[in-house]
Amino acid sequence: RQAPGREREFVATITRITRSTYYADSVKGRFTISRDNAKNTVFLQ
């Protein structure tokens, strides 16, 4: 994500094989990343 006047920053990632998830400290416990490979779609709740 990128806010006005700020650098782009990491929010979350889900890996390709193990589907491990990683989150920025600022969003842990609030945001959830997931993927649906059948739909070729990644989500951020």
PDB file of all heavy atoms in Angstrom:
ATOM      1  N   ARG A   1       0.833  -1.195   0.000  1.00  0.00           N
ATOM      2  CA  ARG A   1       0.000   0.000   0.000  1.00  0.00           C
ATOM      3  C   ARG A   1       0.870   1.248   0.000  1.00  0.00           C
ATOM      4  O   ARG A   1       2.019   1.222   0.436  1.00  0.00           O
ATOM      5  CB  ARG A   1      -0.955   0.017   1.196  1.00  0.00           C
ATOM      6  CG  ARG A   1      -0.269   0.136   2.555  1.00  0.00           C
ATOM      7  CD  ARG A   1      -1.276  -0.061   3.673  1.00  0.00           C
ATOM      8  NE  ARG A   1      -0.680   0.096   4.978  1.00  0.00           N
ATOM      9  CZ  ARG A   1      -1.308  -0.139   6.129  1.00  0.00           C
ATOM     10  NH1 ARG A   1      -2.583  -0.540   6.116  1.00  0.00           N
ATOM     11  NH2 ARG A   1      -0.684   0.032   7.283  1.00  0.00           N
ATOM     12  N   GLN A   2       0.303   2.327  -0.494  1.00  0.00           N
ATOM     13  CA  GLN A   2       1.021   3.584  -0.552  1.00  0.00           C
ATOM     14  C   GLN A   2       0.066   4.730  -0.239  1.00  0.00           C
ATOM     15  O   GLN A   2      -0.927   4.929  -0.933  1.00  0.00           O
ATOM     16  CB  GLN A   2       1.654   3.792  -1.926  1.00  0.00           C
ATOM     17  CG  GLN A   2       2.552   5.004  -2.007  1.00  0.00           C
ATOM     18  CD  GLN A   2       3.387   5.014  -3.265  1.00  0.00           C
ATOM     19  OE1 GLN A   2       3.039   4.371  -4.254  1.00  0.00           O
ATOM     20  NE2 GLN A   2       4.496   5.727  -3.236  1.00  0.00           N
ATOM     21  N   ALA A   3       0.385   5.457   0.805  1.00  0.00           N
ATOM     22  CA  ALA A   3      -0.375   6.633   1.185  1.00  0.00           C
ATOM     23  C   ALA A   3       0.273   7.868   0.562  1.00  0.00           C
ATOM     24  O   ALA A   3       1.471   7.860   0.262  1.00  0.00           O
ATOM     25  CB  ALA A   3      -0.418   6.772   2.705  1.00  0.00           C
ATOM     26  N   PRO A   4      -0.485   8.937   0.370  1.00  0.00           N
ATOM     27  CA  PRO A   4       0.084  10.156  -0.209  1.00  0.00           C
ATOM     28  C   PRO A   4       1.289  10.645   0.581  1.00  0.00           C
ATOM     29  O   PRO A   4       1.249  10.734   1.807  1.00  0.00           O
ATOM     30  CB  PRO A   4      -1.073  11.154  -0.124  1.00  0.00           C
ATOM     31  CG  PRO A   4      -2.295  10.302  -0.167  1.00  0.00           C
ATOM     32  CD  PRO A   4      -1.929   9.066   0.615  1.00  0.00           C
ATOM     33  N   GLY A   5       2.367  10.947  -0.125  1.00  0.00           N
ATOM     34  CA  GLY A   5       3.564  11.450   0.511  1.00  0.00           C
ATOM     35  C   GLY A   5       4.416  10.408   1.200  1.00  0.00           C
ATOM     36  O   GLY A   5       5.421  10.761   1.824  1.00  0.00           O
ATOM     37  N   ARG A   6       4.040   9.144   1.076  1.00  0.00           N
ATOM     38  CA  ARG A   6       4.793   8.080   1.723  1.00  0.00           C
ATOM     39  C   ARG A   6       5.246   7.055   0.693  1.00  0.00           C
ATOM     40  O   ARG A   6       4.714   6.980  -0.413  1.00  0.00           O
ATOM     41  CB  ARG A   6       3.949   7.387   2.794  1.00  0.00           C
ATOM     42  CG  ARG A   6       3.502   8.296   3.928  1.00  0.00           C
ATOM     43  CD  ARG A   6       2.756   7.517   4.981  1.00  0.00           C
ATOM     44  NE  ARG A   6       3.590   6.494   5.592  1.00  0.00           N
ATOM     45  CZ  ARG A   6       3.172   5.639   6.522  1.00  0.00           C
ATOM     46  NH1 ARG A   6       1.917   5.684   6.940  1.00  0.00           N
ATOM     47  NH2 ARG A   6       4.006   4.738   7.030  1.00  0.00           N
ATOM     48  N   GLU A   7       6.243   6.280   1.072  1.00  0.00           N
ATOM     49  CA  GLU A   7       6.729   5.216   0.211  1.00  0.00           C
ATOM     50  C   GLU A   7       5.778   4.026   0.254  1.00  0.00           C
ATOM     51  O   GLU A   7       5.042   3.828   1.222  1.00  0.00           O
ATOM     52  CB  GLU A   7       8.124   4.772   0.635  1.00  0.00           C
ATOM     53  CG  GLU A   7       9.194   5.833   0.484  1.00  0.00           C
ATOM     54  CD  GLU A   7      10.565   5.324   0.853  1.00  0.00           C
ATOM     55  OE1 GLU A   7      10.659   4.254   1.479  1.00  0.00           O
ATOM     56  OE2 GLU A   7      11.550   5.985   0.509  1.00  0.00           O
ATOM     57  N   ARG A   8       5.812   3.259  -0.813  1.00  0.00           N
ATOM     58  CA  ARG A   8       5.026   2.038  -0.844  1.00  0.00           C
ATOM     59  C   ARG A   8       5.539   1.076   0.221  1.00  0.00           C
ATOM     60  O   ARG A   8       6.754   0.890   0.381  1.00  0.00           O
ATOM     61  CB  ARG A   8       5.109   1.398  -2.221  1.00  0.00           C
ATOM     62  CG  ARG A   8       4.127   0.267  -2.441  1.00  0.00           C
ATOM     63  CD  ARG A   8       4.062  -0.126  -3.913  1.00  0.00           C
ATOM     64  NE  ARG A   8       3.652   0.982  -4.751  1.00  0.00           N
ATOM     65  CZ  ARG A   8       3.387   0.880  -6.047  1.00  0.00           C
ATOM     66  NH1 ARG A   8       3.486  -0.295  -6.658  1.00  0.00           N
ATOM     67  NH2 ARG A   8       3.030   1.944  -6.741  1.00  0.00           N
ATOM     68  N   GLU A   9       4.625   0.456   0.963  1.00  0.00           N
ATOM     69  CA  GLU A   9       5.010  -0.411   2.048  1.00  0.00           C
ATOM     70  C   GLU A   9       4.327  -1.768   1.963  1.00  0.00           C
ATOM     71  O   GLU A   9       3.225  -1.903   1.443  1.00  0.00           O
ATOM     72  CB  GLU A   9       4.710   0.239   3.406  1.00  0.00           C
ATOM     73  CG  GLU A   9       3.228   0.425   3.689  1.00  0.00           C
ATOM     74  CD  GLU A   9       2.966   0.998   5.064  1.00  0.00           C
ATOM     75  OE1 GLU A   9       3.938   1.254   5.812  1.00  0.00           O
ATOM     76  OE2 GLU A   9       1.787   1.197   5.420  1.00  0.00           O
ATOM     77  N   PHE A  10       5.003  -2.748   2.509  1.00  0.00           N
ATOM     78  CA  PHE A  10       4.518  -4.112   2.542  1.00  0.00           C
ATOM     79  C   PHE A  10       3.318  -4.245   3.466  1.00  0.00           C
ATOM     80  O   PHE A  10       3.287  -3.657   4.541  1.00  0.00           O
ATOM     81  CB  PHE A  10       5.651  -5.028   3.009  1.00  0.00           C
ATOM     82  CG  PHE A  10       5.222  -6.414   3.380  1.00  0.00           C
ATOM     83  CD1 PHE A  10       4.929  -7.352   2.404  1.00  0.00           C
ATOM     84  CD2 PHE A  10       5.128  -6.792   4.702  1.00  0.00           C
ATOM     85  CE1 PHE A  10       4.547  -8.639   2.737  1.00  0.00           C
ATOM     86  CE2 PHE A  10       4.750  -8.067   5.055  1.00  0.00           C
ATOM     87  CZ  PHE A  10       4.458  -8.984   4.067  1.00  0.00           C
ATOM     88  N   VAL A  11       2.346  -5.051   3.038  1.00  0.00           N
ATOM     89  CA  VAL A  11       1.176  -5.346   3.859  1.00  0.00           C
ATOM     90  C   VAL A  11       1.106  -6.829   4.190  1.00  0.00           C
ATOM     91  O   VAL A  11       1.076  -7.211   5.354  1.00  0.00           O
ATOM     92  CB  VAL A  11      -0.129  -4.907   3.168  1.00  0.00           C
ATOM     93  CG1 VAL A  11      -1.341  -5.327   4.003  1.00  0.00           C
ATOM     94  CG2 VAL A  11      -0.126  -3.403   2.947  1.00  0.00           C
ATOM     95  N   ALA A  12       1.093  -7.675   3.161  1.00  0.00           N
ATOM     96  CA  ALA A  12       0.960  -9.109   3.380  1.00  0.00           C
ATOM     97  C   ALA A  12       1.379  -9.873   2.138  1.00  0.00           C
ATOM     98  O   ALA A  12       1.307  -9.356   1.025  1.00  0.00           O
ATOM     99  CB  ALA A  12      -0.483  -9.474   3.747  1.00  0.00           C
ATOM    100  N   THR A  13       1.793 -11.126   2.331  1.00  0.00           N
ATOM    101  CA  THR A  13       2.140 -12.011   1.228  1.00  0.00           C
ATOM    102  C   THR A  13       1.689 -13.427   1.553  1.00  0.00           C
ATOM    103  O   THR A  13       1.745 -13.846   2.718  1.00  0.00           O
ATOM    104  CB  THR A  13       3.652 -12.001   0.947  1.00  0.00           C
ATOM    105  OG1 THR A  13       4.038 -10.740   0.419  1.00  0.00           O
ATOM    106  CG2 THR A  13       4.037 -13.079  -0.064  1.00  0.00           C
ATOM    107  N   ILE A  14       1.265 -14.150   0.538  1.00  0.00           N
ATOM    108  CA  ILE A  14       0.989 -15.575   0.653  1.00  0.00           C
ATOM    109  C   ILE A  14       1.841 -16.278  -0.391  1.00  0.00           C
ATOM    110  O   ILE A  14       1.861 -15.892  -1.558  1.00  0.00           O
ATOM    111  CB  ILE A  14      -0.514 -15.884   0.490  1.00  0.00           C
ATOM    112  CG1 ILE A  14      -0.775 -17.376   0.714  1.00  0.00           C
ATOM    113  CG2 ILE A  14      -1.047 -15.419  -0.857  1.00  0.00           C
ATOM    114  CD1 ILE A  14      -2.255 -17.695   0.920  1.00  0.00           C
ATOM    115  N   THR A  15       2.565 -17.311   0.025  1.00  0.00           N
ATOM    116  CA  THR A  15       3.522 -17.954  -0.864  1.00  0.00           C
ATOM    117  C   THR A  15       2.847 -18.896  -1.845  1.00  0.00           C
ATOM    118  O   THR A  15       1.686 -19.282  -1.679  1.00  0.00           O
ATOM    119  CB  THR A  15       4.600 -18.699  -0.068  1.00  0.00           C
ATOM    120  OG1 THR A  15       4.007 -19.762   0.682  1.00  0.00           O
ATOM    121  CG2 THR A  15       5.317 -17.746   0.879  1.00  0.00           C
ATOM    122  N   ARG A  16       3.591 -19.305  -2.851  1.00  0.00           N
ATOM    123  CA  ARG A  16       3.016 -20.033  -3.977  1.00  0.00           C
ATOM    124  C   ARG A  16       2.774 -21.508  -3.711  1.00  0.00           C
ATOM    125  O   ARG A  16       1.837 -22.080  -4.264  1.00  0.00           O
ATOM    126  CB  ARG A  16       3.910 -19.878  -5.204  1.00  0.00           C
ATOM    127  CG  ARG A  16       5.314 -20.433  -5.019  1.00  0.00           C
ATOM    128  CD  ARG A  16       6.175 -20.156  -6.230  1.00  0.00           C
ATOM    129  NE  ARG A  16       7.531 -20.670  -6.053  1.00  0.00           N
ATOM    130  CZ  ARG A  16       8.484 -20.578  -6.954  1.00  0.00           C
ATOM    131  NH1 ARG A  16       8.235 -19.979  -8.118  1.00  0.00           N
ATOM    132  NH2 ARG A  16       9.685 -21.068  -6.703  1.00  0.00           N
ATOM    133  N   ILE A  17       3.612 -22.141  -2.917  1.00  0.00           N
ATOM    134  CA  ILE A  17       3.518 -23.579  -2.722  1.00  0.00           C
ATOM    135  C   ILE A  17       2.951 -23.920  -1.354  1.00  0.00           C
ATOM    136  O   ILE A  17       1.926 -24.598  -1.239  1.00  0.00           O
ATOM    137  CB  ILE A  17       4.887 -24.250  -2.914  1.00  0.00           C
ATOM    138  CG1 ILE A  17       5.382 -24.025  -4.343  1.00  0.00           C
ATOM    139  CG2 ILE A  17       4.793 -25.747  -2.617  1.00  0.00           C
ATOM    140  CD1 ILE A  17       6.782 -24.541  -4.596  1.00  0.00           C
ATOM    141  N   THR A  18       3.616 -23.490  -0.318  1.00  0.00           N
ATOM    142  CA  THR A  18       3.168 -23.807   1.033  1.00  0.00           C
ATOM    143  C   THR A  18       2.008 -22.935   1.490  1.00  0.00           C
ATOM    144  O   THR A  18       1.349 -23.257   2.481  1.00  0.00           O
ATOM    145  CB  THR A  18       4.322 -23.655   2.032  1.00  0.00           C
ATOM    146  OG1 THR A  18       4.733 -22.284   2.086  1.00  0.00           O
ATOM    147  CG2 THR A  18       5.503 -24.517   1.629  1.00  0.00           C
ATOM    148  N   ARG A  19       1.789 -21.843   0.794  1.00  0.00           N
ATOM    149  CA  ARG A  19       0.756 -20.872   1.153  1.00  0.00           C
ATOM    150  C   ARG A  19       0.972 -20.310   2.550  1.00  0.00           C
ATOM    151  O   ARG A  19       0.009 -19.996   3.263  1.00  0.00           O
ATOM    152  CB  ARG A  19      -0.636 -21.473   0.995  1.00  0.00           C
ATOM    153  CG  ARG A  19      -0.926 -21.937  -0.420  1.00  0.00           C
ATOM    154  CD  ARG A  19      -2.340 -22.403  -0.603  1.00  0.00           C
ATOM    155  NE  ARG A  19      -2.545 -22.943  -1.942  1.00  0.00           N
ATOM    156  CZ  ARG A  19      -3.702 -23.347  -2.417  1.00  0.00           C
ATOM    157  NH1 ARG A  19      -4.789 -23.272  -1.670  1.00  0.00           N
ATOM    158  NH2 ARG A  19      -3.787 -23.836  -3.645  1.00  0.00           N
ATOM    159  N   SER A  20       2.226 -20.176   2.894  1.00  0.00           N
ATOM    160  CA  SER A  20       2.563 -19.491   4.135  1.00  0.00           C
ATOM    161  C   SER A  20       2.197 -18.021   4.004  1.00  0.00           C
ATOM    162  O   SER A  20       2.264 -17.451   2.918  1.00  0.00           O
ATOM    163  CB  SER A  20       4.056 -19.630   4.434  1.00  0.00           C
ATOM    164  OG  SER A  20       4.418 -20.987   4.597  1.00  0.00           O
ATOM    165  N   THR A  21       1.825 -17.423   5.107  1.00  0.00           N
ATOM    166  CA  THR A  21       1.417 -16.028   5.090  1.00  0.00           C
ATOM    167  C   THR A  21       2.340 -15.180   5.937  1.00  0.00           C
ATOM    168  O   THR A  21       2.866 -15.629   6.962  1.00  0.00           O
ATOM    169  CB  THR A  21      -0.029 -15.868   5.570  1.00  0.00           C
ATOM    170  OG1 THR A  21      -0.162 -16.427   6.882  1.00  0.00           O
ATOM    171  CG2 THR A  21      -0.985 -16.570   4.625  1.00  0.00           C
ATOM    172  N   TYR A  22       2.518 -13.949   5.504  1.00  0.00           N
ATOM    173  CA  TYR A  22       3.372 -12.990   6.186  1.00  0.00           C
ATOM    174  C   TYR A  22       2.645 -11.661   6.233  1.00  0.00           C
ATOM    175  O   TYR A  22       2.000 -11.262   5.258  1.00  0.00           O
ATOM    176  CB  TYR A  22       4.705 -12.836   5.449  1.00  0.00           C
ATOM    177  CG  TYR A  22       5.463 -14.128   5.307  1.00  0.00           C
ATOM    178  CD1 TYR A  22       5.181 -15.011   4.269  1.00  0.00           C
ATOM    179  CD2 TYR A  22       6.453 -14.480   6.222  1.00  0.00           C
ATOM    180  CE1 TYR A  22       5.865 -16.209   4.145  1.00  0.00           C
ATOM    181  CE2 TYR A  22       7.137 -15.673   6.099  1.00  0.00           C
ATOM    182  CZ  TYR A  22       6.844 -16.534   5.062  1.00  0.00           C
ATOM    183  OH  TYR A  22       7.531 -17.716   4.944  1.00  0.00           O
ATOM    184  N   TYR A  23       2.759 -10.975   7.358  1.00  0.00           N
ATOM    185  CA  TYR A  23       2.047  -9.726   7.549  1.00  0.00           C
ATOM    186  C   TYR A  23       2.948  -8.662   8.141  1.00  0.00           C
ATOM    187  O   TYR A  23       3.833  -8.950   8.951  1.00  0.00           O
ATOM    188  CB  TYR A  23       0.855  -9.918   8.488  1.00  0.00           C
ATOM    189  CG  TYR A  23      -0.181 -10.874   7.988  1.00  0.00           C
ATOM    190  CD1 TYR A  23      -0.147 -12.218   8.338  1.00  0.00           C
ATOM    191  CD2 TYR A  23      -1.210 -10.432   7.161  1.00  0.00           C
ATOM    192  CE1 TYR A  23      -1.108 -13.104   7.874  1.00  0.00           C
ATOM    193  CE2 TYR A  23      -2.176 -11.307   6.693  1.00  0.00           C
ATOM    194  CZ  TYR A  23      -2.120 -12.638   7.056  1.00  0.00           C
ATOM    195  OH  TYR A  23      -3.079 -13.517   6.596  1.00  0.00           O
ATOM    196  N   ALA A  24       2.695  -7.444   7.744  1.00  0.00           N
ATOM    197  CA  ALA A  24       3.310  -6.318   8.421  1.00  0.00           C
ATOM    198  C   ALA A  24       2.769  -6.238   9.842  1.00  0.00           C
ATOM    199  O   ALA A  24       1.607  -6.570  10.094  1.00  0.00           O
ATOM    200  CB  ALA A  24       3.023  -5.018   7.672  1.00  0.00           C
ATOM    201  N   ASP A  25       3.602  -5.802  10.765  1.00  0.00           N
ATOM    202  CA  ASP A  25       3.176  -5.708  12.158  1.00  0.00           C
ATOM    203  C   ASP A  25       1.932  -4.834  12.314  1.00  0.00           C
ATOM    204  O   ASP A  25       1.087  -5.090  13.175  1.00  0.00           O
ATOM    205  CB  ASP A  25       4.304  -5.157  13.022  1.00  0.00           C
ATOM    206  CG  ASP A  25       5.429  -6.152  13.229  1.00  0.00           C
ATOM    207  OD1 ASP A  25       5.212  -7.354  13.002  1.00  0.00           O
ATOM    208  OD2 ASP A  25       6.527  -5.719  13.631  1.00  0.00           O
ATOM    209  N   SER A  26       1.812  -3.831  11.482  1.00  0.00           N
ATOM    210  CA  SER A  26       0.719  -2.886  11.595  1.00  0.00           C
ATOM    211  C   SER A  26      -0.646  -3.488  11.272  1.00  0.00           C
ATOM    212  O   SER A  26      -1.676  -2.917  11.639  1.00  0.00           O
ATOM    213  CB  SER A  26       0.971  -1.676  10.687  1.00  0.00           C
ATOM    214  OG  SER A  26       1.094  -2.073   9.336  1.00  0.00           O
ATOM    215  N   VAL A  27      -0.667  -4.641  10.589  1.00  0.00           N
ATOM    216  CA  VAL A  27      -1.942  -5.231  10.185  1.00  0.00           C
ATOM    217  C   VAL A  27      -2.181  -6.606  10.778  1.00  0.00           C
ATOM    218  O   VAL A  27      -3.263  -7.176  10.588  1.00  0.00           O
ATOM    219  CB  VAL A  27      -2.072  -5.309   8.653  1.00  0.00           C
ATOM    220  CG1 VAL A  27      -1.840  -3.940   8.028  1.00  0.00           C
ATOM    221  CG2 VAL A  27      -1.110  -6.341   8.069  1.00  0.00           C
ATOM    222  N   LYS A  28      -1.225  -7.147  11.500  1.00  0.00           N
ATOM    223  CA  LYS A  28      -1.385  -8.472  12.100  1.00  0.00           C
ATOM    224  C   LYS A  28      -2.599  -8.504  13.023  1.00  0.00           C
ATOM    225  O   LYS A  28      -2.811  -7.605  13.819  1.00  0.00           O
ATOM    226  CB  LYS A  28      -0.136  -8.859  12.884  1.00  0.00           C
ATOM    227  CG  LYS A  28       1.040  -9.268  12.027  1.00  0.00           C
ATOM    228  CD  LYS A  28       2.235  -9.662  12.884  1.00  0.00           C
ATOM    229  CE  LYS A  28       3.406 -10.079  12.018  1.00  0.00           C
ATOM    230  NZ  LYS A  28       4.600 -10.395  12.844  1.00  0.00           N
ATOM    231  N   GLY A  29      -3.380  -9.560  12.873  1.00  0.00           N
ATOM    232  CA  GLY A  29      -4.578  -9.707  13.677  1.00  0.00           C
ATOM    233  C   GLY A  29      -5.791  -9.014  13.110  1.00  0.00           C
ATOM    234  O   GLY A  29      -6.908  -9.246  13.588  1.00  0.00           O
ATOM    235  N   ARG A  30      -5.593  -8.163  12.109  1.00  0.00           N
ATOM    236  CA  ARG A  30      -6.707  -7.447  11.487  1.00  0.00           C
ATOM    237  C   ARG A  30      -6.917  -7.845  10.029  1.00  0.00           C
ATOM    238  O   ARG A  30      -8.052  -7.928   9.568  1.00  0.00           O
ATOM    239  CB  ARG A  30      -6.481  -5.938  11.560  1.00  0.00           C
ATOM    240  CG  ARG A  30      -6.389  -5.394  12.980  1.00  0.00           C
ATOM    241  CD  ARG A  30      -6.383  -3.873  12.985  1.00  0.00           C
ATOM    242  NE  ARG A  30      -5.218  -3.334  12.275  1.00  0.00           N
ATOM    243  CZ  ARG A  30      -5.294  -2.520  11.227  1.00  0.00           C
ATOM    244  NH1 ARG A  30      -6.484  -2.137  10.760  1.00  0.00           N
ATOM    245  NH2 ARG A  30      -4.191  -2.064  10.653  1.00  0.00           N
ATOM    246  N   PHE A  31      -5.829  -8.074   9.312  1.00  0.00           N
ATOM    247  CA  PHE A  31      -5.900  -8.410   7.892  1.00  0.00           C
ATOM    248  C   PHE A  31      -5.596  -9.885   7.688  1.00  0.00           C
ATOM    249  O   PHE A  31      -4.777 -10.471   8.403  1.00  0.00           O
ATOM    250  CB  PHE A  31      -4.892  -7.598   7.090  1.00  0.00           C
ATOM    251  CG  PHE A  31      -5.182  -6.130   6.980  1.00  0.00           C
ATOM    252  CD1 PHE A  31      -6.177  -5.524   7.735  1.00  0.00           C
ATOM    253  CD2 PHE A  31      -4.441  -5.345   6.111  1.00  0.00           C
ATOM    254  CE1 PHE A  31      -6.442  -4.171   7.638  1.00  0.00           C
ATOM    255  CE2 PHE A  31      -4.692  -3.987   6.000  1.00  0.00           C
ATOM    256  CZ  PHE A  31      -5.693  -3.398   6.763  1.00  0.00           C
ATOM    257  N   THR A  32      -6.221 -10.476   6.685  1.00  0.00           N
ATOM    258  CA  THR A  32      -5.972 -11.857   6.317  1.00  0.00           C
ATOM    259  C   THR A  32      -5.817 -11.968   4.809  1.00  0.00           C
ATOM    260  O   THR A  32      -6.702 -11.549   4.062  1.00  0.00           O
ATOM    261  CB  THR A  32      -7.107 -12.786   6.775  1.00  0.00           C
ATOM    262  OG1 THR A  32      -7.281 -12.687   8.187  1.00  0.00           O
ATOM    263  CG2 THR A  32      -6.782 -14.231   6.419  1.00  0.00           C
ATOM    264  N   ILE A  33      -4.695 -12.526   4.376  1.00  0.00           N
ATOM    265  CA  ILE A  33      -4.481 -12.755   2.956  1.00  0.00           C
ATOM    266  C   ILE A  33      -4.807 -14.211   2.640  1.00  0.00           C
ATOM    267  O   ILE A  33      -4.519 -15.110   3.432  1.00  0.00           O
ATOM    268  CB  ILE A  33      -3.035 -12.401   2.536  1.00  0.00           C
ATOM    269  CG1 ILE A  33      -2.882 -12.457   1.015  1.00  0.00           C
ATOM    270  CG2 ILE A  33      -2.022 -13.303   3.229  1.00  0.00           C
ATOM    271  CD1 ILE A  33      -1.553 -11.893   0.526  1.00  0.00           C
ATOM    272  N   SER A  34      -5.418 -14.439   1.494  1.00  0.00           N
ATOM    273  CA  SER A  34      -5.755 -15.787   1.067  1.00  0.00           C
ATOM    274  C   SER A  34      -5.722 -15.842  -0.452  1.00  0.00           C
ATOM    275  O   SER A  34      -5.657 -14.809  -1.122  1.00  0.00           O
ATOM    276  CB  SER A  34      -7.127 -16.211   1.602  1.00  0.00           C
ATOM    277  OG  SER A  34      -8.147 -15.357   1.113  1.00  0.00           O
ATOM    278  N   ARG A  35      -5.758 -17.051  -0.994  1.00  0.00           N
ATOM    279  CA  ARG A  35      -5.769 -17.187  -2.445  1.00  0.00           C
ATOM    280  C   ARG A  35      -6.658 -18.336  -2.856  1.00  0.00           C
ATOM    281  O   ARG A  35      -6.805 -19.334  -2.145  1.00  0.00           O
ATOM    282  CB  ARG A  35      -4.347 -17.372  -2.996  1.00  0.00           C
ATOM    283  CG  ARG A  35      -3.642 -18.649  -2.551  1.00  0.00           C
ATOM    284  CD  ARG A  35      -2.147 -18.585  -2.873  1.00  0.00           C
ATOM    285  NE  ARG A  35      -1.900 -18.522  -4.307  1.00  0.00           N
ATOM    286  CZ  ARG A  35      -0.751 -18.142  -4.852  1.00  0.00           C
ATOM    287  NH1 ARG A  35       0.263 -17.765  -4.066  1.00  0.00           N
ATOM    288  NH2 ARG A  35      -0.605 -18.122  -6.171  1.00  0.00           N
ATOM    289  N   ASP A  36      -7.246 -18.196  -4.029  1.00  0.00           N
ATOM    290  CA  ASP A  36      -8.069 -19.226  -4.632  1.00  0.00           C
ATOM    291  C   ASP A  36      -7.462 -19.509  -5.999  1.00  0.00           C
ATOM    292  O   ASP A  36      -7.695 -18.769  -6.954  1.00  0.00           O
ATOM    293  CB  ASP A  36      -9.521 -18.762  -4.754  1.00  0.00           C
ATOM    294  CG  ASP A  36     -10.443 -19.850  -5.268  1.00  0.00           C
ATOM    295  OD1 ASP A  36      -9.963 -20.817  -5.880  1.00  0.00           O
ATOM    296  OD2 ASP A  36     -11.666 -19.733  -5.056  1.00  0.00           O
ATOM    297  N   ASN A  37      -6.676 -20.563  -6.081  1.00  0.00           N
ATOM    298  CA  ASN A  37      -5.969 -20.853  -7.322  1.00  0.00           C
ATOM    299  C   ASN A  37      -6.915 -21.226  -8.466  1.00  0.00           C
ATOM    300  O   ASN A  37      -6.595 -21.006  -9.635  1.00  0.00           O
ATOM    301  CB  ASN A  37      -4.949 -21.968  -7.099  1.00  0.00           C
ATOM    302  CG  ASN A  37      -3.744 -21.508  -6.303  1.00  0.00           C
ATOM    303  OD1 ASN A  37      -3.581 -20.318  -6.031  1.00  0.00           O
ATOM    304  ND2 ASN A  37      -2.899 -22.452  -5.918  1.00  0.00           N
ATOM    305  N   ALA A  38      -8.065 -21.793  -8.140  1.00  0.00           N
ATOM    306  CA  ALA A  38      -9.041 -22.129  -9.170  1.00  0.00           C
ATOM    307  C   ALA A  38      -9.604 -20.882  -9.834  1.00  0.00           C
ATOM    308  O   ALA A  38     -10.004 -20.913 -10.999  1.00  0.00           O
ATOM    309  CB  ALA A  38     -10.167 -22.968  -8.585  1.00  0.00           C
ATOM    310  N   LYS A  39      -9.642 -19.786  -9.101  1.00  0.00           N
ATOM    311  CA  LYS A  39     -10.154 -18.516  -9.620  1.00  0.00           C
ATOM    312  C   LYS A  39      -9.047 -17.545  -9.989  1.00  0.00           C
ATOM    313  O   LYS A  39      -9.334 -16.424 -10.418  1.00  0.00           O
ATOM    314  CB  LYS A  39     -11.077 -17.866  -8.594  1.00  0.00           C
ATOM    315  CG  LYS A  39     -12.333 -18.655  -8.278  1.00  0.00           C
ATOM    316  CD  LYS A  39     -13.189 -17.917  -7.266  1.00  0.00           C
ATOM    317  CE  LYS A  39     -14.450 -18.691  -6.938  1.00  0.00           C
ATOM    318  NZ  LYS A  39     -15.379 -18.735  -8.094  1.00  0.00           N
ATOM    319  N   ASN A  40      -7.798 -17.956  -9.825  1.00  0.00           N
ATOM    320  CA  ASN A  40      -6.654 -17.083 -10.103  1.00  0.00           C
ATOM    321  C   ASN A  40      -6.794 -15.747  -9.379  1.00  0.00           C
ATOM    322  O   ASN A  40      -6.572 -14.673  -9.958  1.00  0.00           O
ATOM    323  CB  ASN A  40      -6.498 -16.853 -11.604  1.00  0.00           C
ATOM    324  CG  ASN A  40      -5.996 -18.065 -12.343  1.00  0.00           C
ATOM    325  OD1 ASN A  40      -5.700 -19.100 -11.754  1.00  0.00           O
ATOM    326  ND2 ASN A  40      -5.895 -17.952 -13.664  1.00  0.00           N
ATOM    327  N   THR A  41      -7.142 -15.824  -8.119  1.00  0.00           N
ATOM    328  CA  THR A  41      -7.445 -14.619  -7.355  1.00  0.00           C
ATOM    329  C   THR A  41      -6.813 -14.678  -5.975  1.00  0.00           C
ATOM    330  O   THR A  41      -6.804 -15.728  -5.328  1.00  0.00           O
ATOM    331  CB  THR A  41      -8.963 -14.432  -7.212  1.00  0.00           C
ATOM    332  OG1 THR A  41      -9.559 -14.392  -8.519  1.00  0.00           O
ATOM    333  CG2 THR A  41      -9.281 -13.134  -6.496  1.00  0.00           C
ATOM    334  N   VAL A  42      -6.291 -13.543  -5.542  1.00  0.00           N
ATOM    335  CA  VAL A  42      -5.811 -13.390  -4.187  1.00  0.00           C
ATOM    336  C   VAL A  42      -6.676 -12.348  -3.493  1.00  0.00           C
ATOM    337  O   VAL A  42      -7.133 -11.387  -4.131  1.00  0.00           O
ATOM    338  CB  VAL A  42      -4.313 -13.001  -4.146  1.00  0.00           C
ATOM    339  CG1 VAL A  42      -4.074 -11.654  -4.816  1.00  0.00           C
ATOM    340  CG2 VAL A  42      -3.792 -13.000  -2.715  1.00  0.00           C
ATOM    341  N   PHE A  43      -6.915 -12.538  -2.203  1.00  0.00           N
ATOM    342  CA  PHE A  43      -7.798 -11.671  -1.452  1.00  0.00           C
ATOM    343  C   PHE A  43      -7.063 -11.048  -0.271  1.00  0.00           C
ATOM    344  O   PHE A  43      -6.085 -11.600   0.235  1.00  0.00           O
ATOM    345  CB  PHE A  43      -9.001 -12.445  -0.912  1.00  0.00           C
ATOM    346  CG  PHE A  43      -9.772 -13.182  -1.963  1.00  0.00           C
ATOM    347  CD1 PHE A  43      -9.516 -14.514  -2.233  1.00  0.00           C
ATOM    348  CD2 PHE A  43     -10.761 -12.537  -2.688  1.00  0.00           C
ATOM    349  CE1 PHE A  43     -10.223 -15.203  -3.193  1.00  0.00           C
ATOM    350  CE2 PHE A  43     -11.483 -13.217  -3.661  1.00  0.00           C
ATOM    351  CZ  PHE A  43     -11.216 -14.539  -3.913  1.00  0.00           C
ATOM    352  N   LEU A  44      -7.557  -9.932   0.159  1.00  0.00           N
ATOM    353  CA  LEU A  44      -7.104  -9.329   1.400  1.00  0.00           C
ATOM    354  C   LEU A  44      -8.335  -8.909   2.187  1.00  0.00           C
ATOM    355  O   LEU A  44      -9.003  -7.939   1.828  1.00  0.00           O
ATOM    356  CB  LEU A  44      -6.197  -8.119   1.149  1.00  0.00           C
ATOM    357  CG  LEU A  44      -5.578  -7.508   2.405  1.00  0.00           C
ATOM    358  CD1 LEU A  44      -4.568  -8.469   3.030  1.00  0.00           C
ATOM    359  CD2 LEU A  44      -4.914  -6.171   2.093  1.00  0.00           C
ATOM    360  N   GLN A  45      -8.637  -9.668   3.225  1.00  0.00           N
ATOM    361  CA  GLN A  45      -9.739  -9.328   4.110  1.00  0.00           C
ATOM    362  C   GLN A  45      -9.219  -8.365   5.165  1.00  0.00           C
ATOM    363  O   GLN A  45      -8.301  -8.697   5.912  1.00  0.00           O
ATOM    364  CB  GLN A  45     -10.304 -10.578   4.778  1.00  0.00           C
ATOM    365  CG  GLN A  45     -11.438 -10.315   5.756  1.00  0.00           C
ATOM    366  CD  GLN A  45     -12.674  -9.783   5.083  1.00  0.00           C
ATOM    367  OE1 GLN A  45     -13.091 -10.298   4.051  1.00  0.00           O
ATOM    368  NE2 GLN A  45     -13.265  -8.742   5.652  1.00  0.00           N
TER     369      GLN A  45
END
